[in-house]
Every structure is written in C-alpha cells, then in structure tokens.
Amino acid sequence: MTATGKQDDDVRDLYRELILDHARSPRHFGKLPHMTHTAEGINPLCGDKLKLYLDVADDDTIRDASFEGSGCAISVASASLLTDMIVGLEANQAIRYFEAVTAHLVGDGKMHGRAPVDLGKLRALEGVREFPARVKCATLAWHALHSALRHDAAPATTE
C-alpha cells in the first residue's frame, strides 16, 4: 500500500468514527421549546423519519436547531452534523450548505457558478457516495432544512 493509500484509509476511518459518534450520541436531539420554523423529512425506501426544528431570529440568523426522529445511523448522524453546522449561520448561508452537501453527495460536487463552501466535518458523509441507496439517508435532513427555511408544509422527501 502506498503512503497516499494509507492516508486515505486513515481519513476514511476518522470519518467513520465521526459518523458513528454522531449516530450514537446525536447533538441537538429533541424538540426545541421555542421554534420559528419546522419541517418533516421522510425517506420512504428505508423508513427514516425526522422532524427538524429551527429558531430563526428576525435578522435571519439561526439561533438554535434540533431534530427528533428515527432512522439509520447515517440519517441520524447527518441530522446531528447538520444541526451542529447551522447554528449561528444566516438562513442564506444554511441554504448554501444544503446546496453544497447535496451537490457533493448526489451530483458532481460543483457549485456551478456559486462560491464553494468549506464542508469541514460534513465531509464525513462522503463515504455514502459508494453506496447510492444510502445517499438518500444522508441528504434527508438537508432536504428538511431547505423545506423548513422555505416554510414548505409538505414533508421533505428524498424521492
């Protein structure tokens, strides 16, 4: 194995550990007592369900975020990573993360005319690209975020 191959394996292992950590001990889990935005997310193929809660200030800053629900480890970890990432962001910045994550996991990873976003810990989700059926699990919470910020009444879905 080359040094680069060993580094790639080490990085994959770190990302796997991050996913498992967020799946076992999700951050921001539970209903927010004061919320301004909410959305449901449903992945009918594997049964992932979540409800995302946001407290967005008048200046469009996301003051707090949380989620409830059940699903596979990837779905729970993605929702946990999402809530960690967006607290403190302005709504338009959170939408840019939605665009970047979905482009990275579903598409070619390019923002097509938009400035790139530093995904940081969200890169832990990249491993699901090797398992196309799991991409929907990883993007469910992000679709719920998009729906919540747009005040969509219908549940967000990955279909």
C-alpha atoms as a PDB file:
ATOM      1  CA  MET A   1       0.000   0.000   0.000  1.00  0.00           C
ATOM      2  CA  THR A   2       1.283   3.466  -0.837  1.00  0.00           C
ATOM      3  CA  ALA A   3       1.584   6.269   1.699  1.00  0.00           C
ATOM      4  CA  THR A   4      -1.312   8.028  -0.013  1.00  0.00           C
ATOM      5  CA  GLY A   5      -3.448   4.873   0.204  1.00  0.00           C
ATOM      6  CA  LYS A   6      -2.683   4.595   3.940  1.00  0.00           C
ATOM      7  CA  GLN A   7      -3.613   8.253   4.458  1.00  0.00           C
ATOM      8  CA  ASP A   8      -6.877   7.745   2.569  1.00  0.00           C
ATOM      9  CA  ASP A   9      -7.697   4.734   4.773  1.00  0.00           C
ATOM     10  CA  ASP A  10      -6.860   6.748   7.906  1.00  0.00           C
ATOM     11  CA  VAL A  11      -9.129   9.587   6.789  1.00  0.00           C
ATOM     12  CA  ARG A  12     -11.961   7.138   5.988  1.00  0.00           C
ATOM     13  CA  ASP A  13     -11.563   5.597   9.441  1.00  0.00           C
ATOM     14  CA  LEU A  14     -11.752   9.036  11.080  1.00  0.00           C
ATOM     15  CA  TYR A  15     -14.877   9.875   9.115  1.00  0.00           C
ATOM     16  CA  ARG A  16     -16.466   6.533  10.005  1.00  0.00           C
ATOM     17  CA  GLU A  17     -15.757   7.235  13.667  1.00  0.00           C
ATOM     18  CA  LEU A  18     -17.311  10.698  13.368  1.00  0.00           C
ATOM     19  CA  ILE A  19     -20.451   9.229  11.783  1.00  0.00           C
ATOM     20  CA  LEU A  20     -20.707   6.557  14.487  1.00  0.00           C
ATOM     21  CA  ASP A  21     -20.163   9.144  17.231  1.00  0.00           C
ATOM     22  CA  HIS A  22     -22.963  11.378  15.904  1.00  0.00           C
ATOM     23  CA  ALA A  23     -25.251   8.369  15.371  1.00  0.00           C
ATOM     24  CA  ARG A  24     -24.721   7.045  18.896  1.00  0.00           C
ATOM     25  CA  SER A  25     -24.808  10.446  20.605  1.00  0.00           C
ATOM     26  CA  PRO A  26     -26.689  12.832  18.330  1.00  0.00           C
ATOM     27  CA  ARG A  27     -26.243  16.508  19.056  1.00  0.00           C
ATOM     28  CA  HIS A  28     -29.256  18.798  19.318  1.00  0.00           C
ATOM     29  CA  PHE A  29     -31.685  15.875  19.646  1.00  0.00           C
ATOM     30  CA  GLY A  30     -35.168  16.730  20.920  1.00  0.00           C
ATOM     31  CA  LYS A  31     -37.870  19.285  20.303  1.00  0.00           C
ATOM     32  CA  LEU A  32     -36.973  22.959  20.615  1.00  0.00           C
ATOM     33  CA  PRO A  33     -39.161  24.765  23.138  1.00  0.00           C
ATOM     34  CA  HIS A  34     -39.126  27.933  21.009  1.00  0.00           C
ATOM     35  CA  MET A  35     -39.111  27.401  17.265  1.00  0.00           C
ATOM     36  CA  THR A  36     -39.966  29.568  14.308  1.00  0.00           C
ATOM     37  CA  HIS A  37     -39.505  27.027  11.510  1.00  0.00           C
ATOM     38  CA  THR A  38     -40.102  23.308  11.264  1.00  0.00           C
ATOM     39  CA  ALA A  39     -40.205  20.603   8.633  1.00  0.00           C
ATOM     40  CA  GLU A  40     -40.682  16.877   8.464  1.00  0.00           C
ATOM     41  CA  GLY A  41     -38.487  14.603   6.408  1.00  0.00           C
ATOM     42  CA  ILE A  42     -39.392  11.129   5.211  1.00  0.00           C
ATOM     43  CA  ASN A  43     -37.331   8.572   3.326  1.00  0.00           C
ATOM     44  CA  PRO A  44     -39.976   6.032   2.269  1.00  0.00           C
ATOM     45  CA  LEU A  45     -37.468   3.489   0.957  1.00  0.00           C
ATOM     46  CA  CYS A  46     -35.711   2.810   4.230  1.00  0.00           C
ATOM     47  CA  GLY A  47     -38.100   4.290   6.779  1.00  0.00           C
ATOM     48  CA  ASP A  48     -36.035   7.246   8.017  1.00  0.00           C
ATOM     49  CA  LYS A  49     -38.259   9.909   9.565  1.00  0.00           C
ATOM     50  CA  LEU A  50     -37.288  13.141  11.212  1.00  0.00           C
ATOM     51  CA  LYS A  51     -38.650  16.467  12.272  1.00  0.00           C
ATOM     52  CA  LEU A  52     -36.317  19.447  12.152  1.00  0.00           C
ATOM     53  CA  TYR A  53     -36.856  22.463  14.399  1.00  0.00           C
ATOM     54  CA  LEU A  54     -35.270  25.868  13.876  1.00  0.00           C
ATOM     55  CA  ASP A  55     -35.283  29.065  15.894  1.00  0.00           C
ATOM     56  CA  VAL A  56     -34.546  31.802  13.369  1.00  0.00           C
ATOM     57  CA  ALA A  57     -34.148  35.400  14.557  1.00  0.00           C
ATOM     58  CA  ASP A  58     -35.607  38.423  12.797  1.00  0.00           C
ATOM     59  CA  ASP A  59     -32.210  39.046  11.178  1.00  0.00           C
ATOM     60  CA  ASP A  60     -32.362  35.508   9.652  1.00  0.00           C
ATOM     61  CA  THR A  61     -29.703  34.099  11.988  1.00  0.00           C
ATOM     62  CA  ILE A  62     -30.365  30.527  13.065  1.00  0.00           C
ATOM     63  CA  ARG A  63     -30.220  30.813  16.850  1.00  0.00           C
ATOM     64  CA  ASP A  64     -30.849  27.146  17.525  1.00  0.00           C
ATOM     65  CA  ALA A  65     -31.668  23.901  15.743  1.00  0.00           C
ATOM     66  CA  SER A  66     -32.701  20.431  16.804  1.00  0.00           C
ATOM     67  CA  PHE A  67     -34.323  17.301  15.463  1.00  0.00           C
ATOM     68  CA  GLU A  68     -36.366  14.307  16.513  1.00  0.00           C
ATOM     69  CA  GLY A  69     -36.939  11.104  14.696  1.00  0.00           C
ATOM     70  CA  SER A  70     -35.672   7.681  13.902  1.00  0.00           C
ATOM     71  CA  GLY A  71     -33.640   6.153  11.176  1.00  0.00           C
ATOM     72  CA  CYS A  72     -30.407   4.523  10.259  1.00  0.00           C
ATOM     73  CA  ALA A  73     -27.046   5.627  11.637  1.00  0.00           C
ATOM     74  CA  ILE A  74     -26.284   7.724   8.558  1.00  0.00           C
ATOM     75  CA  SER A  75     -29.596   9.567   8.706  1.00  0.00           C
ATOM     76  CA  VAL A  76     -29.228  10.354  12.416  1.00  0.00           C
ATOM     77  CA  ALA A  77     -25.566  11.322  12.058  1.00  0.00           C
ATOM     78  CA  SER A  78     -26.337  13.608   9.122  1.00  0.00           C
ATOM     79  CA  ALA A  79     -29.090  15.387  11.076  1.00  0.00           C
ATOM     80  CA  SER A  80     -26.749  15.746  14.043  1.00  0.00           C
ATOM     81  CA  LEU A  81     -23.960  17.148  11.872  1.00  0.00           C
ATOM     82  CA  LEU A  82     -26.448  19.494  10.188  1.00  0.00           C
ATOM     83  CA  THR A  83     -27.682  20.952  13.475  1.00  0.00           C
ATOM     84  CA  ASP A  84     -24.110  21.386  14.689  1.00  0.00           C
ATOM     85  CA  MET A  85     -23.184  23.202  11.476  1.00  0.00           C
ATOM     86  CA  ILE A  86     -26.072  25.610  11.015  1.00  0.00           C
ATOM     87  CA  VAL A  87     -26.470  27.120  14.492  1.00  0.00           C
ATOM     88  CA  GLY A  88     -25.202  30.680  14.198  1.00  0.00           C
ATOM     89  CA  LEU A  89     -25.456  30.839  10.411  1.00  0.00           C
ATOM     90  CA  GLU A  90     -27.746  33.138   8.491  1.00  0.00           C
ATOM     91  CA  ALA A  91     -30.520  31.305   6.637  1.00  0.00           C
ATOM     92  CA  ASN A  92     -28.945  32.033   3.238  1.00  0.00           C
ATOM     93  CA  GLN A  93     -25.661  30.510   4.442  1.00  0.00           C
ATOM     94  CA  ALA A  94     -27.516  27.397   5.621  1.00  0.00           C
ATOM     95  CA  ILE A  95     -29.101  27.109   2.164  1.00  0.00           C
ATOM     96  CA  ARG A  96     -25.608  27.282   0.637  1.00  0.00           C
ATOM     97  CA  TYR A  97     -24.601  24.339   2.836  1.00  0.00           C
ATOM     98  CA  PHE A  98     -27.707  22.461   1.671  1.00  0.00           C
ATOM     99  CA  GLU A  99     -26.678  23.111  -1.936  1.00  0.00           C
ATOM    100  CA  ALA A 100     -23.065  22.100  -1.295  1.00  0.00           C
ATOM    101  CA  VAL A 101     -23.876  18.901   0.604  1.00  0.00           C
ATOM    102  CA  THR A 102     -26.449  17.725  -1.920  1.00  0.00           C
ATOM    103  CA  ALA A 103     -24.183  18.631  -4.860  1.00  0.00           C
ATOM    104  CA  HIS A 104     -21.340  16.766  -3.203  1.00  0.00           C
ATOM    105  CA  LEU A 105     -23.330  13.637  -2.425  1.00  0.00           C
ATOM    106  CA  VAL A 106     -25.762  13.485  -5.339  1.00  0.00           C
ATOM    107  CA  GLY A 107     -24.073  15.391  -8.139  1.00  0.00           C
ATOM    108  CA  ASP A 108     -20.621  16.229  -9.298  1.00  0.00           C
ATOM    109  CA  GLY A 109     -19.720  18.254  -6.207  1.00  0.00           C
ATOM    110  CA  LYS A 110     -19.532  21.518  -8.141  1.00  0.00           C
ATOM    111  CA  MET A 111     -21.481  24.574  -7.091  1.00  0.00           C
ATOM    112  CA  HIS A 112     -21.976  25.666 -10.732  1.00  0.00           C
ATOM    113  CA  GLY A 113     -21.369  29.372 -10.511  1.00  0.00           C
ATOM    114  CA  ARG A 114     -21.660  29.624  -6.722  1.00  0.00           C
ATOM    115  CA  ALA A 115     -18.709  30.130  -4.424  1.00  0.00           C
ATOM    116  CA  PRO A 116     -17.520  26.851  -2.879  1.00  0.00           C
ATOM    117  CA  VAL A 117     -18.398  26.051   0.723  1.00  0.00           C
ATOM    118  CA  ASP A 118     -15.935  24.528   3.184  1.00  0.00           C
ATOM    119  CA  LEU A 119     -17.737  21.367   4.268  1.00  0.00           C
ATOM    120  CA  GLY A 120     -15.391  20.663   7.179  1.00  0.00           C
ATOM    121  CA  LYS A 121     -16.795  17.798   9.277  1.00  0.00           C
ATOM    122  CA  LEU A 122     -19.596  17.325   6.760  1.00  0.00           C
ATOM    123  CA  ARG A 123     -17.032  15.568   4.563  1.00  0.00           C
ATOM    124  CA  ALA A 124     -17.654  12.599   6.849  1.00  0.00           C
ATOM    125  CA  LEU A 125     -20.780  11.983   4.775  1.00  0.00           C
ATOM    126  CA  GLU A 126     -18.762  11.454   1.570  1.00  0.00           C
ATOM    127  CA  GLY A 127     -18.457   7.738   2.216  1.00  0.00           C
ATOM    128  CA  VAL A 128     -22.110   7.222   1.314  1.00  0.00           C
ATOM    129  CA  ARG A 129     -21.369   8.001  -2.335  1.00  0.00           C
ATOM    130  CA  GLU A 130     -20.006   4.457  -2.556  1.00  0.00           C
ATOM    131  CA  PHE A 131     -23.478   3.208  -1.574  1.00  0.00           C
ATOM    132  CA  PRO A 132     -26.046   5.053  -3.725  1.00  0.00           C
ATOM    133  CA  ALA A 133     -29.023   3.803  -1.720  1.00  0.00           C
ATOM    134  CA  ARG A 134     -27.538   5.459   1.398  1.00  0.00           C
ATOM    135  CA  VAL A 135     -27.187   8.890  -0.227  1.00  0.00           C
ATOM    136  CA  LYS A 136     -30.881   9.484   0.448  1.00  0.00           C
ATOM    137  CA  CYS A 137     -30.311   8.728   4.123  1.00  0.00           C
ATOM    138  CA  ALA A 138     -27.519  11.309   4.279  1.00  0.00           C
ATOM    139  CA  THR A 139     -29.449  14.035   2.453  1.00  0.00           C
ATOM    140  CA  LEU A 140     -32.829  13.691   4.193  1.00  0.00           C
ATOM    141  CA  ALA A 141     -32.108  16.182   6.986  1.00  0.00           C
ATOM    142  CA  TRP A 142     -30.706  18.636   4.438  1.00  0.00           C
ATOM    143  CA  HIS A 143     -33.901  18.486   2.394  1.00  0.00           C
ATOM    144  CA  ALA A 144     -35.866  19.093   5.607  1.00  0.00           C
ATOM    145  CA  LEU A 145     -33.671  22.138   6.293  1.00  0.00           C
ATOM    146  CA  HIS A 146     -34.419  23.508   2.842  1.00  0.00           C
ATOM    147  CA  SER A 147     -38.155  22.923   3.364  1.00  0.00           C
ATOM    148  CA  ALA A 148     -38.149  24.490   6.835  1.00  0.00           C
ATOM    149  CA  LEU A 149     -36.437  27.654   5.632  1.00  0.00           C
ATOM    150  CA  ARG A 150     -38.910  27.924   2.746  1.00  0.00           C
ATOM    151  CA  HIS A 151     -41.874  27.216   5.067  1.00  0.00           C
ATOM    152  CA  ASP A 152     -42.975  24.253   2.910  1.00  0.00           C
ATOM    153  CA  ALA A 153     -45.900  22.478   4.520  1.00  0.00           C
ATOM    154  CA  ALA A 154     -45.411  19.155   2.738  1.00  0.00           C
ATOM    155  CA  PRO A 155     -42.899  16.708   4.232  1.00  0.00           C
ATOM    156  CA  ALA A 156     -39.482  16.799   2.618  1.00  0.00           C
ATOM    157  CA  THR A 157     -38.622  13.620   0.825  1.00  0.00           C
ATOM    158  CA  THR A 158     -35.601  12.188  -0.895  1.00  0.00           C
ATOM    159  CA  GLU A 159     -37.694  10.873  -3.800  1.00  0.00           C
END
